[in-house]
Amino acid sequence: MFLTLKLLSNRHPSFIARTVFVKNNNVDDACRLLNRILGKEGILEQFRLTRYYEKHLQTRRRINHEKCKAIYNEDMERKIKFVLRKNRHEPFPGCH
């Protein structure tokens, strides 16, 4: 049994090759896998944003929020990587 999504094939050509094999008639696991693939590729997010009309004010606010969130996440990721570094010669660089 195959489970494919043909609804978005004309809008998203990269999605045409997405076919999920269903093992032992376990459709729930196949749908979870398909949803995970759609989520990683951003198709669900694009569908959610284009479902209703968004006013210009809301669009600007959303875009500015996404920019600020991306900057914050980048800084936090850099800080976390710095704190979690292991096996350094000097565990606290700059402190003598």
PDB file of N, CA and C in Angstrom:
ATOM      1  N   MET A   1       0.844  -1.165   0.000  1.00  0.00           N
ATOM      2  CA  MET A   1       0.000   0.000   0.000  1.00  0.00           C
ATOM      3  C   MET A   1       0.897   1.239   0.000  1.00  0.00           C
ATOM      4  N   PHE A   2       0.600   2.229  -0.837  1.00  0.00           N
ATOM      5  CA  PHE A   2       1.359   3.466  -0.934  1.00  0.00           C
ATOM      6  C   PHE A   2       0.495   4.621  -0.467  1.00  0.00           C
ATOM      7  N   LEU A   3       1.138   5.573   0.164  1.00  0.00           N
ATOM      8  CA  LEU A   3       0.437   6.781   0.593  1.00  0.00           C
ATOM      9  C   LEU A   3       1.182   7.968   0.008  1.00  0.00           C
ATOM     10  N   THR A   4       0.561   8.649  -0.943  1.00  0.00           N
ATOM     11  CA  THR A   4       1.217   9.800  -1.567  1.00  0.00           C
ATOM     12  C   THR A   4       0.304  11.001  -1.460  1.00  0.00           C
ATOM     13  N   LEU A   5       0.900  12.170  -1.552  1.00  0.00           N
ATOM     14  CA  LEU A   5       0.145  13.408  -1.491  1.00  0.00           C
ATOM     15  C   LEU A   5       0.246  14.089  -2.845  1.00  0.00           C
ATOM     16  N   LYS A   6      -0.844  14.127  -3.581  1.00  0.00           N
ATOM     17  CA  LYS A   6      -0.855  14.693  -4.927  1.00  0.00           C
ATOM     18  C   LYS A   6      -1.396  16.123  -4.940  1.00  0.00           C
ATOM     19  N   LEU A   7      -1.872  16.628  -3.802  1.00  0.00           N
ATOM     20  CA  LEU A   7      -2.491  17.949  -3.788  1.00  0.00           C
ATOM     21  C   LEU A   7      -1.510  19.058  -4.125  1.00  0.00           C
ATOM     22  N   LEU A   8      -0.284  18.932  -3.656  1.00  0.00           N
ATOM     23  CA  LEU A   8       0.672  20.012  -3.804  1.00  0.00           C
ATOM     24  C   LEU A   8       1.662  19.774  -4.931  1.00  0.00           C
ATOM     25  N   SER A   9       1.411  18.813  -5.800  1.00  0.00           N
ATOM     26  CA  SER A   9       2.399  18.437  -6.802  1.00  0.00           C
ATOM     27  C   SER A   9       2.653  19.543  -7.817  1.00  0.00           C
ATOM     28  N   ASN A  10       1.643  20.318  -8.198  1.00  0.00           N
ATOM     29  CA  ASN A  10       1.878  21.360  -9.193  1.00  0.00           C
ATOM     30  C   ASN A  10       2.547  22.596  -8.587  1.00  0.00           C
ATOM     31  N   ARG A  11       2.329  22.880  -7.304  1.00  0.00           N
ATOM     32  CA  ARG A  11       2.941  24.038  -6.675  1.00  0.00           C
ATOM     33  C   ARG A  11       4.342  23.737  -6.150  1.00  0.00           C
ATOM     34  N   HIS A  12       4.569  22.511  -5.749  1.00  0.00           N
ATOM     35  CA  HIS A  12       5.836  22.139  -5.137  1.00  0.00           C
ATOM     36  C   HIS A  12       6.443  20.966  -5.889  1.00  0.00           C
ATOM     37  N   PRO A  13       7.214  21.240  -6.945  1.00  0.00           N
ATOM     38  CA  PRO A  13       7.766  20.140  -7.737  1.00  0.00           C
ATOM     39  C   PRO A  13       8.728  19.256  -6.953  1.00  0.00           C
ATOM     40  N   SER A  14       9.359  19.786  -5.898  1.00  0.00           N
ATOM     41  CA  SER A  14      10.279  18.948  -5.114  1.00  0.00           C
ATOM     42  C   SER A  14       9.529  17.887  -4.320  1.00  0.00           C
ATOM     43  N   PHE A  15       8.218  18.062  -4.149  1.00  0.00           N
ATOM     44  CA  PHE A  15       7.443  17.130  -3.347  1.00  0.00           C
ATOM     45  C   PHE A  15       6.909  15.952  -4.164  1.00  0.00           C
ATOM     46  N   ILE A  16       7.049  15.968  -5.479  1.00  0.00           N
ATOM     47  CA  ILE A  16       6.487  14.912  -6.324  1.00  0.00           C
ATOM     48  C   ILE A  16       7.088  13.561  -5.961  1.00  0.00           C
ATOM     49  N   ALA A  17       8.366  13.539  -5.628  1.00  0.00           N
ATOM     50  CA  ALA A  17       9.045  12.273  -5.365  1.00  0.00           C
ATOM     51  C   ALA A  17       8.805  11.750  -3.959  1.00  0.00           C
ATOM     52  N   ARG A  18       8.002  12.395  -3.148  1.00  0.00           N
ATOM     53  CA  ARG A  18       7.785  11.955  -1.779  1.00  0.00           C
ATOM     54  C   ARG A  18       6.704  10.873  -1.748  1.00  0.00           C
ATOM     55  N   THR A  19       7.135   9.661  -1.592  1.00  0.00           N
ATOM     56  CA  THR A  19       6.229   8.529  -1.455  1.00  0.00           C
ATOM     57  C   THR A  19       6.607   7.788  -0.187  1.00  0.00           C
ATOM     58  N   VAL A  20       5.619   7.471   0.609  1.00  0.00           N
ATOM     59  CA  VAL A  20       5.863   6.809   1.883  1.00  0.00           C
ATOM     60  C   VAL A  20       5.310   5.395   1.795  1.00  0.00           C
ATOM     61  N   PHE A  21       6.132   4.421   2.143  1.00  0.00           N
ATOM     62  CA  PHE A  21       5.679   3.036   2.167  1.00  0.00           C
ATOM     63  C   PHE A  21       4.985   2.758   3.489  1.00  0.00           C
ATOM     64  N   VAL A  22       3.844   2.073   3.401  1.00  0.00           N
ATOM     65  CA  VAL A  22       3.081   1.724   4.598  1.00  0.00           C
ATOM     66  C   VAL A  22       3.357   0.262   4.900  1.00  0.00           C
ATOM     67  N   LYS A  23       3.925   0.023   6.085  1.00  0.00           N
ATOM     68  CA  LYS A  23       4.234  -1.346   6.484  1.00  0.00           C
ATOM     69  C   LYS A  23       3.122  -1.898   7.368  1.00  0.00           C
ATOM     70  N   ASN A  24       2.690  -3.084   7.079  1.00  0.00           N
ATOM     71  CA  ASN A  24       1.689  -3.800   7.885  1.00  0.00           C
ATOM     72  C   ASN A  24       0.415  -2.988   8.093  1.00  0.00           C
ATOM     73  N   ASN A  25      -0.013  -2.260   7.074  1.00  0.00           N
ATOM     74  CA  ASN A  25      -1.216  -1.426   7.137  1.00  0.00           C
ATOM     75  C   ASN A  25      -1.203  -0.451   8.304  1.00  0.00           C
ATOM     76  N   ASN A  26      -0.037   0.035   8.673  1.00  0.00           N
ATOM     77  CA  ASN A  26       0.094   0.998   9.763  1.00  0.00           C
ATOM     78  C   ASN A  26       0.120   2.406   9.165  1.00  0.00           C
ATOM     79  N   VAL A  27      -1.071   2.919   8.879  1.00  0.00           N
ATOM     80  CA  VAL A  27      -1.217   4.193   8.192  1.00  0.00           C
ATOM     81  C   VAL A  27      -0.842   5.358   9.112  1.00  0.00           C
ATOM     82  N   ASP A  28      -1.055   5.201  10.427  1.00  0.00           N
ATOM     83  CA  ASP A  28      -0.748   6.285  11.363  1.00  0.00           C
ATOM     84  C   ASP A  28       0.735   6.645  11.339  1.00  0.00           C
ATOM     85  N   ASP A  29       1.594   5.632  11.364  1.00  0.00           N
ATOM     86  CA  ASP A  29       3.032   5.898  11.315  1.00  0.00           C
ATOM     87  C   ASP A  29       3.434   6.531   9.979  1.00  0.00           C
ATOM     88  N   ALA A  30       2.809   6.092   8.905  1.00  0.00           N
ATOM     89  CA  ALA A  30       3.111   6.663   7.589  1.00  0.00           C
ATOM     90  C   ALA A  30       2.684   8.126   7.521  1.00  0.00           C
ATOM     91  N   CYS A  31       1.545   8.453   8.107  1.00  0.00           N
ATOM     92  CA  CYS A  31       1.092   9.848   8.122  1.00  0.00           C
ATOM     93  C   CYS A  31       2.007  10.705   8.985  1.00  0.00           C
ATOM     94  N   ARG A  32       2.482  10.162  10.114  1.00  0.00           N
ATOM     95  CA  ARG A  32       3.428  10.898  10.951  1.00  0.00           C
ATOM     96  C   ARG A  32       4.714  11.191  10.186  1.00  0.00           C
ATOM     97  N   LEU A  33       5.192  10.196   9.462  1.00  0.00           N
ATOM     98  CA  LEU A  33       6.401  10.378   8.665  1.00  0.00           C
ATOM     99  C   LEU A  33       6.190  11.426   7.576  1.00  0.00           C
ATOM    100  N   LEU A  34       5.046  11.369   6.918  1.00  0.00           N
ATOM    101  CA  LEU A  34       4.737  12.334   5.871  1.00  0.00           C
ATOM    102  C   LEU A  34       4.620  13.747   6.445  1.00  0.00           C
ATOM    103  N   ASN A  35       4.001  13.884   7.610  1.00  0.00           N
ATOM    104  CA  ASN A  35       3.895  15.191   8.253  1.00  0.00           C
ATOM    105  C   ASN A  35       5.265  15.719   8.654  1.00  0.00           C
ATOM    106  N   ARG A  36       6.158  14.829   9.108  1.00  0.00           N
ATOM    107  CA  ARG A  36       7.501  15.265   9.468  1.00  0.00           C
ATOM    108  C   ARG A  36       8.260  15.768   8.237  1.00  0.00           C
ATOM    109  N   ILE A  37       8.120  15.070   7.115  1.00  0.00           N
ATOM    110  CA  ILE A  37       8.771  15.502   5.868  1.00  0.00           C
ATOM    111  C   ILE A  37       8.221  16.854   5.426  1.00  0.00           C
ATOM    112  N   LEU A  38       6.899  17.012   5.474  1.00  0.00           N
ATOM    113  CA  LEU A  38       6.289  18.281   5.088  1.00  0.00           C
ATOM    114  C   LEU A  38       6.735  19.416   6.008  1.00  0.00           C
ATOM    115  N   GLY A  39       6.865  19.113   7.287  1.00  0.00           N
ATOM    116  CA  GLY A  39       7.301  20.134   8.233  1.00  0.00           C
ATOM    117  C   GLY A  39       8.730  20.568   8.005  1.00  0.00           C
ATOM    118  N   LYS A  40       9.611  19.614   7.705  1.00  0.00           N
ATOM    119  CA  LYS A  40      11.019  19.950   7.469  1.00  0.00           C
ATOM    120  C   LYS A  40      11.187  20.796   6.213  1.00  0.00           C
ATOM    121  N   GLU A  41      10.384  20.538   5.209  1.00  0.00           N
ATOM    122  CA  GLU A  41      10.507  21.284   3.956  1.00  0.00           C
ATOM    123  C   GLU A  41       9.771  22.618   3.995  1.00  0.00           C
ATOM    124  N   GLY A  42       9.015  22.879   5.054  1.00  0.00           N
ATOM    125  CA  GLY A  42       8.346  24.162   5.208  1.00  0.00           C
ATOM    126  C   GLY A  42       7.046  24.291   4.448  1.00  0.00           C
ATOM    127  N   ILE A  43       6.528  23.203   3.932  1.00  0.00           N
ATOM    128  CA  ILE A  43       5.290  23.269   3.144  1.00  0.00           C
ATOM    129  C   ILE A  43       4.092  23.532   4.045  1.00  0.00           C
ATOM    130  N   LEU A  44       4.073  22.940   5.234  1.00  0.00           N
ATOM    131  CA  LEU A  44       2.957  23.172   6.154  1.00  0.00           C
ATOM    132  C   LEU A  44       2.931  24.623   6.623  1.00  0.00           C
ATOM    133  N   GLU A  45       4.097  25.191   6.874  1.00  0.00           N
ATOM    134  CA  GLU A  45       4.173  26.598   7.285  1.00  0.00           C
ATOM    135  C   GLU A  45       3.680  27.511   6.167  1.00  0.00           C
ATOM    136  N   GLN A  46       4.063  27.211   4.948  1.00  0.00           N
ATOM    137  CA  GLN A  46       3.609  28.022   3.807  1.00  0.00           C
ATOM    138  C   GLN A  46       2.103  27.902   3.631  1.00  0.00           C
ATOM    139  N   PHE A  47       1.570  26.709   3.825  1.00  0.00           N
ATOM    140  CA  PHE A  47       0.122  26.519   3.728  1.00  0.00           C
ATOM    141  C   PHE A  47      -0.592  27.301   4.824  1.00  0.00           C
ATOM    142  N   ARG A  48      -0.042  27.273   6.041  1.00  0.00           N
ATOM    143  CA  ARG A  48      -0.670  27.971   7.158  1.00  0.00           C
ATOM    144  C   ARG A  48      -0.688  29.484   6.917  1.00  0.00           C
ATOM    145  N   LEU A  49       0.394  30.014   6.340  1.00  0.00           N
ATOM    146  CA  LEU A  49       0.468  31.453   6.117  1.00  0.00           C
ATOM    147  C   LEU A  49      -0.406  31.927   4.959  1.00  0.00           C
ATOM    148  N   THR A  50      -0.621  31.089   3.975  1.00  0.00           N
ATOM    149  CA  THR A  50      -1.406  31.514   2.817  1.00  0.00           C
ATOM    150  C   THR A  50      -2.861  31.066   2.905  1.00  0.00           C
ATOM    151  N   ARG A  51      -3.260  30.513   4.019  1.00  0.00           N
ATOM    152  CA  ARG A  51      -4.633  30.027   4.163  1.00  0.00           C
ATOM    153  C   ARG A  51      -5.629  31.177   4.229  1.00  0.00           C
ATOM    154  N   TYR A  52      -5.286  32.231   4.954  1.00  0.00           N
ATOM    155  CA  TYR A  52      -6.145  33.401   5.098  1.00  0.00           C
ATOM    156  C   TYR A  52      -5.373  34.635   4.655  1.00  0.00           C
ATOM    157  N   TYR A  53      -6.117  35.685   4.346  1.00  0.00           N
ATOM    158  CA  TYR A  53      -5.491  36.947   3.967  1.00  0.00           C
ATOM    159  C   TYR A  53      -4.863  37.570   5.215  1.00  0.00           C
ATOM    160  N   GLU A  54      -3.650  38.060   5.059  1.00  0.00           N
ATOM    161  CA  GLU A  54      -2.945  38.695   6.165  1.00  0.00           C
ATOM    162  C   GLU A  54      -2.776  40.176   5.847  1.00  0.00           C
ATOM    163  N   LYS A  55      -3.239  41.033   6.751  1.00  0.00           N
ATOM    164  CA  LYS A  55      -3.124  42.466   6.519  1.00  0.00           C
ATOM    165  C   LYS A  55      -1.659  42.879   6.545  1.00  0.00           C
ATOM    166  N   HIS A  56      -1.374  44.039   5.934  1.00  0.00           N
ATOM    167  CA  HIS A  56       0.004  44.501   5.813  1.00  0.00           C
ATOM    168  C   HIS A  56       0.645  44.711   7.174  1.00  0.00           C
ATOM    169  N   LEU A  57      -0.116  45.230   8.125  1.00  0.00           N
ATOM    170  CA  LEU A  57       0.407  45.446   9.466  1.00  0.00           C
ATOM    171  C   LEU A  57       0.817  44.119  10.100  1.00  0.00           C
ATOM    172  N   GLN A  58      -0.030  43.123   9.945  1.00  0.00           N
ATOM    173  CA  GLN A  58       0.281  41.809  10.506  1.00  0.00           C
ATOM    174  C   GLN A  58       1.491  41.182   9.817  1.00  0.00           C
ATOM    175  N   THR A  59       1.606  41.386   8.509  1.00  0.00           N
ATOM    176  CA  THR A  59       2.744  40.840   7.769  1.00  0.00           C
ATOM    177  C   THR A  59       4.041  41.472   8.251  1.00  0.00           C
ATOM    178  N   ARG A  60       4.058  42.796   8.375  1.00  0.00           N
ATOM    179  CA  ARG A  60       5.263  43.477   8.853  1.00  0.00           C
ATOM    180  C   ARG A  60       5.625  43.025  10.268  1.00  0.00           C
ATOM    181  N   ARG A  61       4.620  42.915  11.128  1.00  0.00           N
ATOM    182  CA  ARG A  61       4.879  42.494  12.501  1.00  0.00           C
ATOM    183  C   ARG A  61       5.435  41.077  12.550  1.00  0.00           C
ATOM    184  N   ARG A  62       4.867  40.189  11.735  1.00  0.00           N
ATOM    185  CA  ARG A  62       5.330  38.798  11.710  1.00  0.00           C
ATOM    186  C   ARG A  62       6.764  38.704  11.186  1.00  0.00           C
ATOM    187  N   ILE A  63       7.052  39.428  10.117  1.00  0.00           N
ATOM    188  CA  ILE A  63       8.396  39.380   9.535  1.00  0.00           C
ATOM    189  C   ILE A  63       9.427  39.939  10.504  1.00  0.00           C
ATOM    190  N   ASN A  64       9.106  41.062  11.163  1.00  0.00           N
ATOM    191  CA  ASN A  64      10.029  41.630  12.145  1.00  0.00           C
ATOM    192  C   ASN A  64      10.237  40.684  13.320  1.00  0.00           C
ATOM    193  N   HIS A  65       9.184  40.039  13.752  1.00  0.00           N
ATOM    194  CA  HIS A  65       9.305  39.068  14.849  1.00  0.00           C
ATOM    195  C   HIS A  65      10.178  37.894  14.435  1.00  0.00           C
ATOM    196  N   GLU A  66      10.008  37.398  13.216  1.00  0.00           N
ATOM    197  CA  GLU A  66      10.834  36.283  12.731  1.00  0.00           C
ATOM    198  C   GLU A  66      12.301  36.682  12.642  1.00  0.00           C
ATOM    199  N   LYS A  67      12.586  37.919  12.213  1.00  0.00           N
ATOM    200  CA  LYS A  67      13.974  38.385  12.151  1.00  0.00           C
ATOM    201  C   LYS A  67      14.585  38.450  13.543  1.00  0.00           C
ATOM    202  N   CYS A  68      13.848  39.035  14.484  1.00  0.00           N
ATOM    203  CA  CYS A  68      14.362  39.146  15.859  1.00  0.00           C
ATOM    204  C   CYS A  68      14.562  37.771  16.479  1.00  0.00           C
ATOM    205  N   LYS A  69      13.643  36.870  16.212  1.00  0.00           N
ATOM    206  CA  LYS A  69      13.748  35.514  16.763  1.00  0.00           C
ATOM    207  C   LYS A  69      14.955  34.796  16.174  1.00  0.00           C
ATOM    208  N   ALA A  70      15.225  34.985  14.878  1.00  0.00           N
ATOM    209  CA  ALA A  70      16.378  34.345  14.249  1.00  0.00           C
ATOM    210  C   ALA A  70      17.684  34.872  14.839  1.00  0.00           C
ATOM    211  N   ILE A  71      17.754  36.179  15.073  1.00  0.00           N
ATOM    212  CA  ILE A  71      18.962  36.758  15.682  1.00  0.00           C
ATOM    213  C   ILE A  71      19.151  36.230  17.096  1.00  0.00           C
ATOM    214  N   TYR A  72      18.073  36.207  17.864  1.00  0.00           N
ATOM    215  CA  TYR A  72      18.144  35.713  19.244  1.00  0.00           C
ATOM    216  C   TYR A  72      18.571  34.250  19.277  1.00  0.00           C
ATOM    217  N   ASN A  73      17.971  33.427  18.417  1.00  0.00           N
ATOM    218  CA  ASN A  73      18.316  32.000  18.387  1.00  0.00           C
ATOM    219  C   ASN A  73      19.771  31.785  17.981  1.00  0.00           C
ATOM    220  N   GLU A  74      20.258  32.585  17.046  1.00  0.00           N
ATOM    221  CA  GLU A  74      21.652  32.461  16.620  1.00  0.00           C
ATOM    222  C   GLU A  74      22.600  32.793  17.775  1.00  0.00           C
ATOM    223  N   ASP A  75      22.303  33.875  18.498  1.00  0.00           N
ATOM    224  CA  ASP A  75      23.143  34.250  19.633  1.00  0.00           C
ATOM    225  C   ASP A  75      23.099  33.199  20.740  1.00  0.00           C
ATOM    226  N   MET A  76      21.914  32.709  21.038  1.00  0.00           N
ATOM    227  CA  MET A  76      21.788  31.711  22.101  1.00  0.00           C
ATOM    228  C   MET A  76      22.490  30.412  21.715  1.00  0.00           C
ATOM    229  N   GLU A  77      22.398  30.030  20.454  1.00  0.00           N
ATOM    230  CA  GLU A  77      23.080  28.818  19.995  1.00  0.00           C
ATOM    231  C   GLU A  77      24.595  28.964  20.120  1.00  0.00           C
ATOM    232  N   ARG A  78      25.103  30.151  19.777  1.00  0.00           N
ATOM    233  CA  ARG A  78      26.530  30.410  19.908  1.00  0.00           C
ATOM    234  C   ARG A  78      26.965  30.371  21.376  1.00  0.00           C
ATOM    235  N   LYS A  79      26.166  30.962  22.261  1.00  0.00           N
ATOM    236  CA  LYS A  79      26.493  30.960  23.688  1.00  0.00           C
ATOM    237  C   LYS A  79      26.455  29.548  24.264  1.00  0.00           C
ATOM    238  N   ILE A  80      25.456  28.782  23.864  1.00  0.00           N
ATOM    239  CA  ILE A  80      25.339  27.408  24.370  1.00  0.00           C
ATOM    240  C   ILE A  80      26.506  26.565  23.884  1.00  0.00           C
ATOM    241  N   LYS A  81      26.894  26.727  22.625  1.00  0.00           N
ATOM    242  CA  LYS A  81      28.052  25.990  22.114  1.00  0.00           C
ATOM    243  C   LYS A  81      29.314  26.350  22.884  1.00  0.00           C
ATOM    244  N   PHE A  82      29.449  27.633  23.234  1.00  0.00           N
ATOM    245  CA  PHE A  82      30.628  28.065  23.984  1.00  0.00           C
ATOM    246  C   PHE A  82      30.632  27.450  25.380  1.00  0.00           C
ATOM    247  N   VAL A  83      29.503  27.443  26.041  1.00  0.00           N
ATOM    248  CA  VAL A  83      29.427  26.912  27.404  1.00  0.00           C
ATOM    249  C   VAL A  83      29.632  25.405  27.428  1.00  0.00           C
ATOM    250  N   LEU A  84      29.161  24.716  26.414  1.00  0.00           N
ATOM    251  CA  LEU A  84      29.223  23.261  26.400  1.00  0.00           C
ATOM    252  C   LEU A  84      30.497  22.695  25.793  1.00  0.00           C
ATOM    253  N   ARG A  85      31.462  23.549  25.445  1.00  0.00           N
ATOM    254  CA  ARG A  85      32.714  23.035  24.889  1.00  0.00           C
ATOM    255  C   ARG A  85      33.434  22.172  25.905  1.00  0.00           C
ATOM    256  N   LYS A  86      33.979  21.080  25.431  1.00  0.00           N
ATOM    257  CA  LYS A  86      34.681  20.147  26.318  1.00  0.00           C
ATOM    258  C   LYS A  86      36.105  19.948  25.829  1.00  0.00           C
ATOM    259  N   ASN A  87      36.920  19.350  26.686  1.00  0.00           N
ATOM    260  CA  ASN A  87      38.284  18.954  26.353  1.00  0.00           C
ATOM    261  C   ASN A  87      39.126  20.135  25.855  1.00  0.00           C
ATOM    262  N   ARG A  88      39.050  21.239  26.567  1.00  0.00           N
ATOM    263  CA  ARG A  88      39.873  22.388  26.221  1.00  0.00           C
ATOM    264  C   ARG A  88      41.119  22.388  27.101  1.00  0.00           C
ATOM    265  N   HIS A  89      42.230  22.899  26.565  1.00  0.00           N
ATOM    266  CA  HIS A  89      43.445  23.031  27.379  1.00  0.00           C
ATOM    267  C   HIS A  89      43.191  23.986  28.538  1.00  0.00           C
ATOM    268  N   GLU A  90      42.587  25.100  28.215  1.00  0.00           N
ATOM    269  CA  GLU A  90      42.272  26.092  29.241  1.00  0.00           C
ATOM    270  C   GLU A  90      40.748  26.176  29.341  1.00  0.00           C
ATOM    271  N   PRO A  91      40.141  25.626  30.395  1.00  0.00           N
ATOM    272  CA  PRO A  91      38.689  25.575  30.446  1.00  0.00           C
ATOM    273  C   PRO A  91      38.027  26.951  30.472  1.00  0.00           C
ATOM    274  N   PHE A  92      38.700  27.942  31.033  1.00  0.00           N
ATOM    275  CA  PHE A  92      38.142  29.285  31.085  1.00  0.00           C
ATOM    276  C   PHE A  92      39.104  30.246  30.398  1.00  0.00           C
ATOM    277  N   PRO A  93      39.021  30.392  29.062  1.00  0.00           N
ATOM    278  CA  PRO A  93      39.969  31.243  28.349  1.00  0.00           C
ATOM    279  C   PRO A  93      39.788  32.716  28.749  1.00  0.00           C
ATOM    280  N   GLY A  94      40.913  33.378  28.940  1.00  0.00           N
ATOM    281  CA  GLY A  94      40.886  34.780  29.309  1.00  0.00           C
ATOM    282  C   GLY A  94      40.916  35.031  30.792  1.00  0.00           C
ATOM    283  N   CYS A  95      40.786  33.990  31.610  1.00  0.00           N
ATOM    284  CA  CYS A  95      40.825  34.145  33.067  1.00  0.00           C
ATOM    285  C   CYS A  95      42.125  33.561  33.585  1.00  0.00           C
ATOM    286  N   HIS A  96      43.085  34.415  33.961  1.00  0.00           N
ATOM    287  CA  HIS A  96      44.374  33.933  34.474  1.00  0.00           C
ATOM    288  C   HIS A  96      44.517  34.245  35.926  1.00  0.00           C
TER     289      HIS A  96
END
